[in-house]
Protein backbone atom coordinates (compact mmCIF):
# COMPACT_ATOMS: atom_id res chain seq x y z
CA MET A 1 -136.28 131.07 126.25
CA THR A 2 -138.80 129.30 127.59
CA ASN A 3 -141.09 127.07 125.50
CA ARG A 4 -143.81 128.63 123.66
CA THR A 5 -146.88 128.45 122.24
CA TRP A 6 -147.40 131.21 120.05
CA GLU A 7 -146.09 131.96 116.48
CA GLY A 8 -143.80 135.24 115.92
CA LEU A 9 -145.22 137.35 112.96
CA VAL A 10 -143.78 140.09 111.14
CA PHE A 11 -145.51 142.47 109.00
CA ILE A 12 -144.05 144.78 107.56
CA GLY A 13 -143.24 147.46 104.61
CA THR A 14 -139.97 148.24 103.71
CA SER A 15 -137.97 150.43 100.30
CA VAL A 16 -136.34 148.61 98.02
CA ASP A 17 -133.41 149.12 99.33
CA GLY A 18 -134.26 147.42 102.41
CA GLN A 19 -135.17 150.40 104.83
CA VAL A 20 -138.36 150.34 106.85
CA ALA A 21 -137.85 154.09 108.28
CA ARG A 22 -135.87 157.32 107.25
CA SER A 23 -132.97 157.90 110.02
CA ASP A 24 -134.92 159.46 111.82
CA GLY A 25 -137.89 157.55 112.16
CA SER A 26 -139.89 159.26 109.51
CA LEU A 27 -142.31 157.01 107.74
CA ASP A 28 -143.52 159.35 105.19
CA TRP A 29 -142.27 157.37 101.87
CA LEU A 30 -144.19 154.76 103.39
CA VAL A 31 -147.51 155.97 104.06
CA SER A 32 -147.68 158.34 101.12
CA ARG A 33 -146.74 155.26 98.66
CA GLY A 34 -148.69 152.63 100.88
CA GLU A 35 -152.03 154.45 100.74
CA THR A 36 -151.81 153.61 96.89
CA ALA A 37 -151.64 149.45 98.01
CA GLY A 38 -154.87 149.89 100.09
CA ASP A 39 -155.08 147.35 103.20
CA ALA A 40 -152.13 145.11 101.78
CA GLY A 41 -153.88 142.27 103.84
CA TYR A 42 -153.12 143.77 107.23
CA ALA A 43 -156.49 143.41 108.29
CA GLU A 44 -156.43 139.76 107.89
CA PHE A 45 -152.85 139.48 108.87
CA MET A 46 -154.52 141.20 112.23
CA GLU A 47 -157.02 138.24 112.74
CA ARG A 48 -154.08 136.61 113.43
CA VAL A 49 -152.46 138.68 116.34
CA ASP A 50 -153.46 138.28 120.21
CA VAL A 51 -150.28 140.45 121.16
CA ILE A 52 -148.25 143.11 119.56
CA LEU A 53 -144.24 143.47 120.77
CA MET A 54 -142.41 146.54 119.68
CA GLY A 55 -139.38 148.26 120.84
CA ARG A 56 -138.93 151.49 122.20
CA ALA A 57 -138.01 153.45 118.86
CA THR A 58 -141.10 151.79 117.30
CA TYR A 59 -143.37 152.88 120.18
CA GLU A 60 -141.98 156.75 119.87
CA VAL A 61 -142.88 156.47 116.20
CA ALA A 62 -146.46 154.95 116.96
CA ARG A 63 -147.54 156.77 120.06
CA GLY A 64 -147.80 159.92 118.13
CA PHE A 65 -150.04 158.21 115.63
CA GLU A 66 -153.79 159.66 116.24
CA PRO A 67 -156.05 157.87 116.87
CA TRP A 68 -154.08 154.89 118.42
CA PRO A 69 -154.18 152.16 115.78
CA TYR A 70 -153.61 149.12 118.69
CA GLU A 71 -157.01 149.74 120.40
CA ALA A 72 -158.42 146.25 120.25
CA THR A 73 -154.88 144.53 120.77
CA PRO A 74 -152.49 144.52 124.00
CA VAL A 75 -148.99 146.24 122.71
CA VAL A 76 -145.87 144.96 124.90
CA VAL A 77 -143.08 147.51 124.15
CA LEU A 78 -139.08 146.54 124.96
CA SER A 79 -137.41 148.95 127.03
CA THR A 80 -135.05 149.30 129.49
CA THR A 81 -135.16 152.78 129.51
CA LEU A 82 -139.21 153.47 129.67
CA GLN A 83 -141.17 153.69 132.83
CA ASP A 84 -143.51 151.25 133.46
CA ASP A 85 -146.18 153.51 133.88
CA GLN A 86 -145.83 155.95 131.44
CA ASP A 87 -148.53 155.26 129.22
CA ASP A 88 -151.47 152.82 129.79
CA ARG A 89 -151.88 151.72 126.56
CA VAL A 90 -148.70 149.65 126.62
CA ARG A 91 -147.19 147.12 129.06
CA ILE A 92 -143.14 147.60 129.38
CA GLU A 93 -141.07 144.76 129.53
CA ARG A 94 -137.39 144.76 129.79
CA GLY A 95 -136.26 141.62 127.95
CA LEU A 96 -137.42 139.13 125.64
CA ASP A 97 -137.48 136.36 128.09
CA GLU A 98 -139.75 138.40 129.91
CA ALA A 99 -142.02 139.11 127.11
CA THR A 100 -141.96 135.49 126.35
CA GLU A 101 -143.34 134.77 129.71
CA VAL A 102 -145.97 137.33 128.93
CA PHE A 103 -147.26 135.92 126.01
CA ASN A 104 -146.90 132.47 127.60
CA GLY A 105 -148.96 133.41 130.55
CA MET A 106 -151.94 134.85 128.06
CA GLY A 107 -152.28 132.18 126.13
CA ALA A 108 -151.36 134.38 123.25
CA ARG A 109 -151.06 132.33 119.47
CA GLY A 110 -150.16 134.79 117.52
CA VAL A 111 -147.53 137.57 118.40
CA TYR A 112 -147.01 140.87 115.79
CA ILE A 113 -143.50 141.37 115.95
CA ASP A 114 -142.84 145.29 114.86
CA GLY A 115 -139.67 147.52 114.66
CA ALA A 116 -136.47 146.67 112.74
CA SER A 117 -134.44 146.24 116.10
CA THR A 118 -137.13 144.01 117.64
CA ILE A 119 -137.55 142.12 114.50
CA GLN A 120 -133.64 141.38 114.53
CA SER A 121 -133.58 139.97 117.81
CA CYS A 122 -136.38 137.94 117.72
CA LEU A 123 -134.86 136.42 114.64
CA GLU A 124 -131.52 135.88 116.62
CA ALA A 125 -133.84 134.21 119.13
CA GLY A 126 -135.62 131.97 117.18
CA LEU A 127 -138.52 133.60 117.53
CA VAL A 128 -139.94 134.50 114.24
CA ASP A 129 -142.03 132.07 112.35
CA GLU A 130 -143.12 133.95 109.29
CA LEU A 131 -142.20 137.47 107.86
CA THR A 132 -144.10 139.53 105.43
CA ILE A 133 -142.56 142.31 103.69
CA SER A 134 -144.19 144.86 101.64
CA GLN A 135 -141.50 146.19 99.21
CA VAL A 136 -142.44 149.62 98.57
CA PRO A 137 -141.21 150.89 94.81
CA VAL A 138 -138.99 153.64 96.27
CA LEU A 139 -135.39 154.03 97.10
CA ILE A 140 -134.58 155.86 99.87
CA GLY A 141 -130.87 155.64 100.60
CA ALA A 142 -129.95 155.97 104.12
CA GLY A 143 -132.47 155.25 106.86
CA ILE A 144 -133.00 152.00 109.35
CA PRO A 145 -132.56 148.29 108.00
CA LEU A 146 -134.89 145.94 108.38
CA PHE A 147 -131.86 143.33 108.57
CA ARG A 148 -128.43 143.78 110.25
CA THR A 149 -125.59 140.88 110.10
CA VAL A 150 -126.97 137.65 111.41
CA PRO A 151 -124.79 135.28 113.07
CA GLN A 152 -125.71 132.31 111.13
CA ASP A 153 -128.41 132.01 107.87
CA ILE A 154 -131.44 131.64 108.46
CA ASP A 155 -133.24 129.72 106.56
CA LEU A 156 -136.69 130.83 104.74
CA THR A 157 -139.33 128.83 103.00
CA LEU A 158 -141.61 131.02 100.33
CA GLY A 159 -144.98 131.08 101.12
CA ARG A 160 -146.64 133.83 98.66
CA SER A 161 -145.49 136.60 96.61
CA VAL A 162 -148.19 138.95 94.99
CA VAL A 163 -147.92 142.23 93.29
CA LEU A 164 -149.86 144.90 95.29
CA ASP A 165 -151.40 147.83 93.97
CA GLY A 166 -148.74 151.13 93.08
CA GLY A 167 -146.34 148.31 92.32
CA MET A 168 -145.60 147.12 95.84
CA VAL A 169 -144.78 143.55 95.98
CA GLN A 170 -145.67 141.45 99.14
CA THR A 171 -143.80 138.43 100.10
CA THR A 172 -144.53 135.85 102.89
CA TYR A 173 -141.65 133.44 103.87
CA ARG A 174 -142.09 130.71 106.55
CA VAL A 175 -138.54 130.63 108.81
CA THR A 176 -137.25 127.54 109.00
CA HIS A 177 -136.35 126.12 112.74
CA ASP A 178 -133.76 123.70 113.42
């Protein structure tokens, strides 16, 4: 990876058993329970974000949202299969190296990394600096896990942990880079 001047920021909800979505990508369990927690600090978090990075699977879910929730923020989608001109609301990049160049070129300070696979890839590449995980009080069993096997330990430092309305627990960690 090239040198970077931006921070990789994660803000994501999971079930207590660590799933970010059902196996079919559905977020019904998160939306219905998440409404109880209100904004959960999302608006404040987005003030730090200059651009959003998401993978194809997350984009496939998000593109169905009405209205498009990222109107004020550029979105880069990592995909080797999507066409570049498929959706004028997003920019398609083929890999993390290319995306990093885009962020550096635009002078980004905060990059919101979204989607389990993209978060995992960015963690492995050393591009995540902060993780904010909001744990929703539900077990959904099967689904898409936030974390898979990591090639080595990734040390974290607790920044804060708060209980939100509806019993959601939000924890922020800083990633310790060597």
